[in-house]
Amino acid sequence: MASNSTLNHTRTNTSSSVASTFIALTVTKATTSPSNSTTAAPGFWPSLLDKIPLPRWAIYAIIALVLLVILICVLCCCAKCCCKGKKRKKKNPDQKINLKGLSGSTTTALVQPDTEDADYGSADERRGKLLYSLEYNAARSEMTVGIKEAAELKAMDHGGTSDPYVKVYILPYKSKTFETKVFRKTLNPVFNEHFKYQMSQKELGESTLVMQVYDFNRFSKHDVIGELRMELSAVDWNHVIEEWKDLSEPSKHEHEHLGEICFSLRYVPTASKLTVVILEAKNLKKMDHGGFSDPYVKVQLILDKKKWKKKKTSVKKQTLNPYFNESFTFEVSFEQIQKVQLVISVWDHDKMSRNDAIGKIFLGCDATGNQLRHWADMLSNPRRPVAQWHTLLSADQVDSTLALKHTLKIPFIP
């Protein structure tokens, strides 16, 4: 019995020691596991950087570059928000108006235009003024229009200036259109140019004189700054007229827009070669019932008022914005290049009927305005192509200006 009690006591002590040992191990793991998790974290980034096959300085440089890009993006967003805030302040109708720059003689000149009118243009918007002169010689049936100067023109370019020139023509005939020289980057050009029209007194009483001020753009459509219109029947021709007048908003419905064409010119004097590259056209007049046209371009040379040489492009089907990029070369001597006239005409091709002319322009030493400038640029830059956009004119207007001599066609014999 004594031995049994001793054995039981020994088992009880052994089980209690085992239990205490298990509890101690559990507590030890619980206390050591947090320390292990905290000590493993500092070695995570170095081990991750070691896995990247780049030197440490390259990795740091890339990280710095990424941070710099993010910083620049944030700064750009902030700047954009600031600009929007400034624009809203400018459009604030409660903003004070500086009246010193206004020279209007009536109270309407001191009224601030509505914000919508300021964005899209209005008849009350100041466009500048033009000094012109008029004189009529009854004995010679000749009217002289003088374009003296312009002042305080509206700025049409981003730099706060314009490249102005003046176009002069007579309605309803519009048989002859004159243009002044272009003055670069100015709002106060001095032209001092005179243009003569042969007109009877009867035609004088039925005509309207139009003087339009344009902003010149080499690679896009020219913008109208403003215009003056004058009924010649109301003019007192007993003396020479010279006066300033404010430019008004140009008429939107008078002229039918025929389209624009872009081409390049290149002349090589040593080889006597004139190269014309028809590049493209845009916004052509709709000639077909479906709202399109089938355009092609004729290139003609006129010498001594007679048709001399001609070539034409391929036809582009059902488009108002054709792209050609077709080149034509003519043999023209240096003596002939000073007398020849280049006629560029856009036509609508019809299979079942006669082809219709959409519009024309002509260039040469006898041309005026934009066409003369392009021709002069070509001659002053030999061997270098000079490209420019031109606005198409009506075929009747160009034909009447050229006054071509009609001759019989002679068949070509090779």
Protein backbone atom coordinates (compact mmCIF):
# COMPACT_ATOMS: atom_id res chain seq x y z
CA MET A 1 0.00 0.00 0.00
CA ALA A 2 2.81 2.32 0.85
CA SER A 3 4.52 1.64 -2.44
CA ASN A 4 1.31 2.35 -4.36
CA SER A 5 0.80 5.68 -2.69
CA THR A 6 4.38 6.60 -3.41
CA LEU A 7 3.94 5.68 -7.08
CA ASN A 8 0.79 7.77 -7.39
CA HIS A 9 2.51 10.73 -5.81
CA THR A 10 5.41 10.38 -8.24
CA ARG A 11 3.02 10.30 -11.30
CA THR A 12 1.19 13.37 -10.03
CA ASN A 13 4.44 15.30 -9.69
CA THR A 14 5.58 14.20 -13.16
CA SER A 15 2.33 15.26 -14.86
CA SER A 16 2.37 18.61 -13.10
CA SER A 17 5.97 19.24 -14.19
CA VAL A 18 5.10 18.36 -17.78
CA ALA A 19 2.13 20.70 -17.72
CA SER A 20 4.20 23.51 -16.30
CA THR A 21 6.88 22.92 -18.94
CA PHE A 22 4.24 23.07 -21.78
CA ILE A 23 2.81 26.32 -20.42
CA ALA A 24 6.30 27.80 -20.19
CA LEU A 25 7.02 26.91 -23.82
CA THR A 26 3.70 28.38 -24.95
CA VAL A 27 4.38 31.64 -23.13
CA THR A 28 7.89 31.75 -24.57
CA LYS A 29 6.57 31.38 -28.18
CA ALA A 30 3.91 33.98 -27.57
CA THR A 31 6.47 36.46 -26.31
CA THR A 32 9.08 35.75 -28.98
CA SER A 33 6.73 35.79 -32.04
CA PRO A 34 6.06 39.57 -31.96
CA SER A 35 9.73 40.29 -31.67
CA ASN A 36 10.43 38.05 -34.65
CA SER A 37 7.79 39.87 -36.76
CA THR A 38 9.26 43.25 -35.92
CA THR A 39 12.82 42.20 -36.63
CA ALA A 40 11.88 40.66 -40.02
CA ALA A 41 10.46 43.95 -41.38
CA PRO A 42 13.73 45.93 -41.54
CA GLY A 43 15.27 43.31 -43.78
CA PHE A 44 12.37 43.25 -46.27
CA TRP A 45 13.33 46.36 -48.34
CA PRO A 46 17.05 45.52 -48.57
CA SER A 47 16.19 42.00 -49.69
CA LEU A 48 13.71 43.38 -52.25
CA LEU A 49 16.30 45.86 -53.59
CA ASP A 50 18.86 43.04 -53.79
CA LYS A 51 16.51 41.10 -56.08
CA ILE A 52 16.39 44.00 -58.64
CA PRO A 53 19.22 43.54 -61.19
CA LEU A 54 20.31 47.21 -60.99
CA PRO A 55 22.85 49.06 -58.86
CA ARG A 56 21.51 50.88 -55.83
CA TRP A 57 22.25 54.36 -57.24
CA ALA A 58 20.23 53.56 -60.39
CA ILE A 59 17.27 52.38 -58.31
CA TYR A 60 17.39 55.54 -56.19
CA ALA A 61 17.62 57.69 -59.34
CA ILE A 62 14.53 56.03 -60.84
CA ILE A 63 12.58 56.55 -57.61
CA ALA A 64 13.62 60.22 -57.53
CA LEU A 65 12.59 60.65 -61.18
CA VAL A 66 9.14 59.15 -60.53
CA LEU A 67 8.65 61.45 -57.55
CA LEU A 68 9.73 64.44 -59.67
CA VAL A 69 7.19 63.58 -62.40
CA ILE A 70 4.42 63.27 -59.82
CA LEU A 71 5.42 66.65 -58.36
CA ILE A 72 5.36 68.29 -61.83
CA CYS A 73 1.89 66.86 -62.54
CA VAL A 74 0.60 68.23 -59.25
CA LEU A 75 2.07 71.67 -60.02
CA CYS A 76 0.52 71.66 -63.53
CA CYS A 77 -2.91 70.85 -62.11
CA CYS A 78 -2.56 73.67 -59.61
CA ALA A 79 -1.50 76.12 -62.34
CA LYS A 80 -4.45 75.09 -64.54
CA CYS A 81 -6.87 75.66 -61.69
CA CYS A 82 -5.34 79.11 -61.07
CA CYS A 83 -5.71 80.05 -64.77
CA LYS A 84 -9.37 79.02 -64.74
CA GLY A 85 -9.89 81.18 -61.70
CA LYS A 86 -8.31 84.18 -63.47
CA LYS A 87 -10.53 83.68 -66.54
CA ARG A 88 -13.62 83.64 -64.36
CA LYS A 89 -12.48 86.89 -62.78
CA LYS A 90 -12.01 88.46 -66.23
CA LYS A 91 -15.52 87.47 -67.24
CA ASN A 92 -16.97 88.99 -64.10
CA PRO A 93 -19.54 91.58 -65.26
CA ASP A 94 -18.83 93.69 -62.19
CA GLN A 95 -15.27 94.35 -63.37
CA LYS A 96 -14.41 98.03 -63.81
CA ILE A 97 -14.02 99.37 -67.33
CA ASN A 98 -11.08 101.56 -68.35
CA LEU A 99 -12.62 104.41 -70.33
CA LYS A 100 -9.34 106.12 -71.25
CA GLY A 101 -8.76 103.99 -74.37
CA LEU A 102 -12.20 104.74 -75.84
CA SER A 103 -12.67 107.65 -78.20
CA GLY A 104 -16.35 107.24 -79.01
CA SER A 105 -18.38 110.42 -79.33
CA THR A 106 -21.61 108.80 -78.15
CA THR A 107 -22.56 107.03 -74.97
CA THR A 108 -22.99 103.70 -76.78
CA ALA A 109 -19.19 103.57 -77.27
CA LEU A 110 -18.80 103.47 -73.48
CA VAL A 111 -21.07 100.49 -72.89
CA GLN A 112 -19.31 97.24 -72.10
CA PRO A 113 -20.28 94.52 -74.63
CA ASP A 114 -22.03 91.41 -73.46
CA THR A 115 -19.74 88.45 -72.74
CA GLU A 116 -21.28 86.38 -75.56
CA ASP A 117 -20.70 89.21 -78.05
CA ALA A 118 -17.11 89.55 -76.87
CA ASP A 119 -16.46 85.87 -77.54
CA TYR A 120 -18.04 85.59 -80.96
CA GLY A 121 -17.80 89.16 -82.27
CA SER A 122 -20.57 91.70 -82.71
CA ALA A 123 -21.40 94.79 -84.70
CA ASP A 124 -20.55 96.99 -81.69
CA GLU A 125 -17.07 95.53 -81.27
CA ARG A 126 -14.30 98.00 -82.06
CA ARG A 127 -12.43 96.90 -85.19
CA GLY A 128 -10.42 100.05 -85.92
CA LYS A 129 -10.77 102.82 -88.49
CA LEU A 130 -9.67 103.50 -92.06
CA LEU A 131 -8.57 106.69 -93.82
CA TYR A 132 -9.57 106.62 -97.51
CA SER A 133 -10.01 109.07 -100.40
CA LEU A 134 -12.38 109.20 -103.40
CA GLU A 135 -12.11 111.14 -106.63
CA TYR A 136 -14.03 110.92 -109.92
CA ASN A 137 -12.87 112.26 -113.28
CA ALA A 138 -15.97 112.63 -115.45
CA ALA A 139 -13.97 113.42 -118.61
CA ARG A 140 -12.13 110.10 -118.42
CA SER A 141 -14.95 108.16 -116.65
CA GLU A 142 -12.41 107.17 -114.02
CA MET A 143 -12.83 106.76 -110.28
CA THR A 144 -9.75 106.73 -108.03
CA VAL A 145 -9.91 105.04 -104.63
CA GLY A 146 -7.11 105.88 -102.21
CA ILE A 147 -6.30 103.67 -99.23
CA LYS A 148 -4.28 105.96 -96.98
CA GLU A 149 -3.87 104.30 -93.60
CA ALA A 150 -5.61 102.41 -90.81
CA ALA A 151 -5.47 102.90 -87.05
CA GLU A 152 -6.36 101.01 -83.85
CA LEU A 153 -7.09 97.80 -85.73
CA LYS A 154 -8.34 94.78 -83.88
CA ALA A 155 -5.53 92.36 -82.92
CA MET A 156 -6.08 89.02 -84.68
CA ASP A 157 -2.81 87.20 -83.82
CA HIS A 158 -1.74 85.68 -80.51
CA GLY A 159 1.02 88.24 -80.05
CA GLY A 160 -1.51 91.08 -79.87
CA THR A 161 -0.88 92.31 -83.43
CA SER A 162 -2.16 91.73 -86.99
CA ASP A 163 -0.74 91.50 -90.53
CA PRO A 164 -3.24 93.83 -92.23
CA TYR A 165 -3.96 94.54 -95.87
CA VAL A 166 -6.98 96.07 -97.63
CA LYS A 167 -9.09 94.56 -100.43
CA VAL A 168 -11.08 96.97 -102.62
CA TYR A 169 -13.87 96.04 -105.06
CA ILE A 170 -17.10 97.34 -106.58
CA LEU A 171 -20.54 95.73 -106.32
CA PRO A 172 -22.51 94.41 -108.10
CA TYR A 173 -19.98 94.05 -110.92
CA LYS A 174 -16.89 93.01 -108.94
CA SER A 175 -14.99 92.74 -112.22
CA LYS A 176 -11.78 94.02 -110.68
CA THR A 177 -10.46 93.46 -107.16
CA PHE A 178 -7.43 95.31 -105.82
CA GLU A 179 -5.33 94.55 -102.75
CA THR A 180 -2.74 96.62 -100.92
CA LYS A 181 0.58 95.37 -99.64
CA VAL A 182 0.70 93.44 -96.37
CA PHE A 183 2.15 95.18 -93.33
CA ARG A 184 3.61 92.80 -90.76
CA LYS A 185 2.80 92.93 -87.04
CA THR A 186 1.14 96.31 -86.76
CA LEU A 187 -2.25 97.74 -85.84
CA ASN A 188 -1.56 101.13 -87.46
CA PRO A 189 -0.42 100.48 -91.06
CA VAL A 190 0.26 103.30 -93.55
CA PHE A 191 -0.62 102.13 -97.09
CA ASN A 192 -0.76 105.22 -99.35
CA GLU A 193 -1.95 103.23 -102.39
CA HIS A 194 -4.39 104.30 -105.13
CA PHE A 195 -6.58 102.16 -107.41
CA LYS A 196 -8.42 103.27 -110.56
CA TYR A 197 -11.75 102.00 -111.93
CA GLN A 198 -13.17 102.80 -115.36
CA MET A 199 -16.84 103.57 -114.63
CA SER A 200 -19.49 105.63 -116.38
CA GLN A 201 -21.69 107.95 -114.37
CA LYS A 202 -24.59 105.57 -114.80
CA GLU A 203 -22.57 102.67 -113.35
CA LEU A 204 -21.42 104.98 -110.58
CA GLY A 205 -25.00 105.57 -109.48
CA GLU A 206 -25.71 101.81 -109.32
CA SER A 207 -22.54 100.70 -107.54
CA THR A 208 -21.37 100.08 -103.99
CA LEU A 209 -17.73 100.51 -102.98
CA VAL A 210 -16.42 97.89 -100.54
CA MET A 211 -13.13 98.27 -98.62
CA GLN A 212 -12.30 95.26 -96.46
CA VAL A 213 -9.37 95.05 -94.04
CA TYR A 214 -7.93 91.54 -93.71
CA ASP A 215 -5.40 89.84 -91.45
CA PHE A 216 -2.93 87.89 -93.60
CA ASN A 217 -2.21 84.22 -92.76
CA ARG A 218 0.14 82.22 -94.94
CA PHE A 219 -1.13 78.73 -94.07
CA SER A 220 -4.80 79.34 -93.29
CA LYS A 221 -7.77 81.38 -94.37
CA HIS A 222 -7.36 85.14 -94.04
CA ASP A 223 -9.54 86.72 -91.34
CA VAL A 224 -11.66 89.81 -92.01
CA ILE A 225 -10.98 92.52 -89.42
CA GLY A 226 -13.69 94.89 -90.66
CA GLU A 227 -15.04 96.71 -93.69
CA LEU A 228 -16.49 99.93 -95.09
CA ARG A 229 -19.41 99.99 -97.57
CA MET A 230 -20.38 103.11 -99.43
CA GLU A 231 -23.24 103.74 -101.86
CA LEU A 232 -21.54 105.73 -104.62
CA SER A 233 -24.83 107.34 -105.65
CA ALA A 234 -24.84 109.24 -102.33
CA VAL A 235 -21.32 110.65 -102.75
CA ASP A 236 -20.77 114.32 -103.62
CA TRP A 237 -18.29 114.14 -106.52
CA ASN A 238 -17.78 117.90 -106.81
CA HIS A 239 -14.64 117.67 -104.69
CA VAL A 240 -12.08 115.10 -103.51
CA ILE A 241 -13.21 113.19 -100.42
CA GLU A 242 -10.73 112.20 -97.72
CA GLU A 243 -12.00 111.08 -94.31
CA TRP A 244 -11.66 108.61 -91.44
CA LYS A 245 -14.43 106.06 -90.84
CA ASP A 246 -14.86 103.32 -88.25
CA LEU A 247 -14.77 99.77 -89.60
CA SER A 248 -17.96 97.77 -89.24
CA GLU A 249 -18.70 94.06 -89.01
CA PRO A 250 -18.23 92.35 -92.40
CA SER A 251 -21.26 91.09 -94.27
CA LYS A 252 -21.77 87.35 -93.79
CA HIS A 253 -24.09 86.60 -96.69
CA GLU A 254 -22.68 88.57 -99.60
CA HIS A 255 -19.94 86.27 -100.82
CA GLU A 256 -20.45 82.66 -101.70
CA HIS A 257 -17.61 80.62 -100.23
CA LEU A 258 -16.07 78.53 -103.02
CA GLY A 259 -13.29 76.88 -101.05
CA GLU A 260 -9.53 77.07 -100.58
CA ILE A 261 -6.60 75.40 -102.30
CA CYS A 262 -3.00 74.82 -101.24
CA PHE A 263 -0.15 74.37 -103.71
CA SER A 264 3.58 74.98 -103.95
CA LEU A 265 5.62 76.76 -106.61
CA ARG A 266 9.27 76.21 -107.52
CA TYR A 267 11.26 77.84 -110.28
CA VAL A 268 14.81 76.91 -111.35
CA PRO A 269 16.18 79.67 -113.61
CA THR A 270 19.22 77.69 -114.79
CA ALA A 271 17.04 74.79 -116.00
CA SER A 272 14.06 76.99 -117.03
CA LYS A 273 11.74 74.70 -115.05
CA LEU A 274 8.54 75.77 -113.28
CA THR A 275 7.15 73.11 -110.93
CA VAL A 276 3.62 73.32 -109.55
CA VAL A 277 2.58 70.83 -106.85
CA ILE A 278 -1.16 70.70 -106.18
CA LEU A 279 -1.30 69.60 -102.54
CA GLU A 280 -4.92 69.75 -101.34
CA ALA A 281 -8.16 71.70 -101.22
CA LYS A 282 -10.74 72.17 -98.47
CA ASN A 283 -14.27 73.42 -97.88
CA LEU A 284 -15.13 73.29 -101.57
CA LYS A 285 -18.57 74.33 -102.78
CA LYS A 286 -21.12 71.51 -103.01
CA MET A 287 -21.90 70.91 -106.67
CA ASP A 288 -23.76 67.58 -106.64
CA HIS A 289 -27.20 66.73 -105.27
CA GLY A 290 -25.72 64.47 -102.61
CA GLY A 291 -23.91 67.38 -100.99
CA PHE A 292 -20.50 66.51 -102.44
CA SER A 293 -18.36 67.23 -105.49
CA ASP A 294 -16.00 65.24 -107.71
CA PRO A 295 -13.16 67.77 -107.84
CA TYR A 296 -10.06 67.94 -109.98
CA VAL A 297 -7.62 70.78 -110.65
CA LYS A 298 -6.53 72.35 -113.94
CA VAL A 299 -3.13 74.04 -114.15
CA GLN A 300 -2.80 76.49 -117.06
CA LEU A 301 -0.12 78.86 -118.27
CA ILE A 302 -1.23 82.04 -120.05
CA LEU A 303 1.24 83.94 -122.25
CA ASP A 304 0.35 87.13 -124.11
CA LYS A 305 -3.31 86.63 -123.11
CA LYS A 306 -3.41 83.27 -124.90
CA LYS A 307 -3.68 79.79 -123.39
CA TRP A 308 -0.21 78.29 -123.69
CA LYS A 309 0.16 75.06 -121.68
CA LYS A 310 -2.14 73.08 -119.43
CA LYS A 311 -2.25 69.96 -117.28
CA LYS A 312 -4.75 68.52 -114.80
CA THR A 313 -4.91 66.27 -111.76
CA SER A 314 -6.86 63.09 -111.23
CA VAL A 315 -10.52 63.24 -110.15
CA LYS A 316 -11.31 62.70 -106.45
CA LYS A 317 -14.76 61.19 -105.96
CA GLN A 318 -17.40 62.53 -103.57
CA THR A 319 -15.37 64.85 -101.38
CA LEU A 320 -15.17 68.52 -100.49
CA ASN A 321 -11.67 68.19 -99.01
CA PRO A 322 -9.59 66.38 -101.66
CA TYR A 323 -5.92 65.52 -101.23
CA PHE A 324 -3.94 65.43 -104.50
CA ASN A 325 -0.18 65.83 -103.95
CA GLU A 326 0.40 65.80 -107.73
CA SER A 327 3.35 67.54 -109.37
CA PHE A 328 3.52 69.24 -112.80
CA THR A 329 6.62 70.67 -114.47
CA PHE A 330 6.63 73.24 -117.27
CA GLU A 331 9.53 74.52 -119.34
CA VAL A 332 9.49 78.31 -118.96
CA SER A 333 12.44 80.55 -119.79
CA PHE A 334 13.51 83.41 -117.53
CA GLU A 335 12.14 85.96 -120.03
CA GLN A 336 8.79 84.14 -120.17
CA ILE A 337 8.45 83.75 -116.38
CA GLN A 338 8.19 87.53 -116.10
CA LYS A 339 5.25 87.66 -118.53
CA VAL A 340 3.48 84.34 -117.96
CA GLN A 341 0.38 83.95 -115.79
CA LEU A 342 -0.46 80.78 -113.89
CA VAL A 343 -4.16 79.91 -113.62
CA ILE A 344 -5.25 77.35 -111.00
CA SER A 345 -8.88 76.26 -111.34
CA VAL A 346 -10.91 73.67 -109.44
CA TRP A 347 -13.61 71.81 -111.39
CA ASP A 348 -16.44 69.41 -110.59
CA HIS A 349 -16.35 66.35 -112.85
CA ASP A 350 -19.65 65.14 -114.35
CA LYS A 351 -19.96 62.06 -116.53
CA MET A 352 -23.33 62.91 -118.07
CA SER A 353 -22.99 66.68 -118.47
CA ARG A 354 -20.47 69.47 -118.82
CA ASN A 355 -17.90 69.91 -116.05
CA ASP A 356 -18.57 72.93 -113.82
CA ALA A 357 -15.94 75.35 -112.53
CA ILE A 358 -15.96 75.63 -108.73
CA GLY A 359 -13.43 78.47 -108.51
CA LYS A 360 -10.22 79.95 -109.91
CA ILE A 361 -7.22 82.08 -109.05
CA PHE A 362 -4.31 83.35 -111.10
CA LEU A 363 -0.74 84.23 -110.22
CA GLY A 364 1.95 86.19 -112.03
CA CYS A 365 3.59 89.59 -112.18
CA ASP A 366 0.20 91.09 -113.15
CA ALA A 367 -1.61 89.56 -110.17
CA THR A 368 -2.41 91.41 -106.94
CA GLY A 369 -2.52 90.74 -103.24
CA ASN A 370 -1.98 87.24 -101.91
CA GLN A 371 -1.38 85.76 -105.39
CA LEU A 372 1.29 88.33 -106.26
CA ARG A 373 3.04 87.75 -102.93
CA HIS A 374 3.20 83.99 -103.56
CA TRP A 375 4.62 84.55 -107.06
CA ALA A 376 7.18 87.05 -105.75
CA ASP A 377 8.25 84.64 -102.99
CA MET A 378 8.84 81.96 -105.63
CA LEU A 379 11.00 84.26 -107.78
CA SER A 380 13.00 85.54 -104.82
CA ASN A 381 13.70 81.98 -103.59
CA PRO A 382 14.90 80.05 -106.68
CA ARG A 383 15.13 76.25 -106.48
CA ARG A 384 13.09 76.24 -103.25
CA PRO A 385 9.40 75.21 -103.18
CA VAL A 386 7.08 77.80 -101.61
CA ALA A 387 3.67 76.55 -100.43
CA GLN A 388 0.65 78.70 -99.60
CA TRP A 389 -3.14 78.55 -99.21
CA HIS A 390 -5.38 80.61 -101.51
CA THR A 391 -9.09 81.42 -101.43
CA LEU A 392 -10.86 80.55 -104.67
CA LEU A 393 -12.55 83.32 -106.65
CA SER A 394 -15.42 83.02 -109.11
CA ALA A 395 -14.49 81.90 -112.61
CA ASP A 396 -16.22 84.94 -114.16
CA GLN A 397 -14.18 87.33 -112.04
CA VAL A 398 -10.84 85.74 -112.98
CA ASP A 399 -11.75 85.40 -116.67
CA SER A 400 -12.82 89.03 -116.93
CA THR A 401 -9.60 90.15 -115.22
CA LEU A 402 -7.43 88.10 -117.57
CA ALA A 403 -9.45 89.09 -120.67
CA LEU A 404 -8.21 86.05 -122.58
CA LYS A 405 -8.04 86.04 -126.34
CA HIS A 406 -10.05 83.14 -127.70
CA THR A 407 -8.18 81.12 -130.29
CA LEU A 408 -8.91 77.97 -132.25
CA LYS A 409 -7.48 74.78 -130.78
CA ILE A 410 -4.73 73.24 -132.92
CA PRO A 411 -4.36 69.47 -132.64
CA PHE A 412 -1.12 68.35 -131.07
CA ILE A 413 1.15 66.38 -133.41
CA PRO A 414 3.89 64.40 -131.61
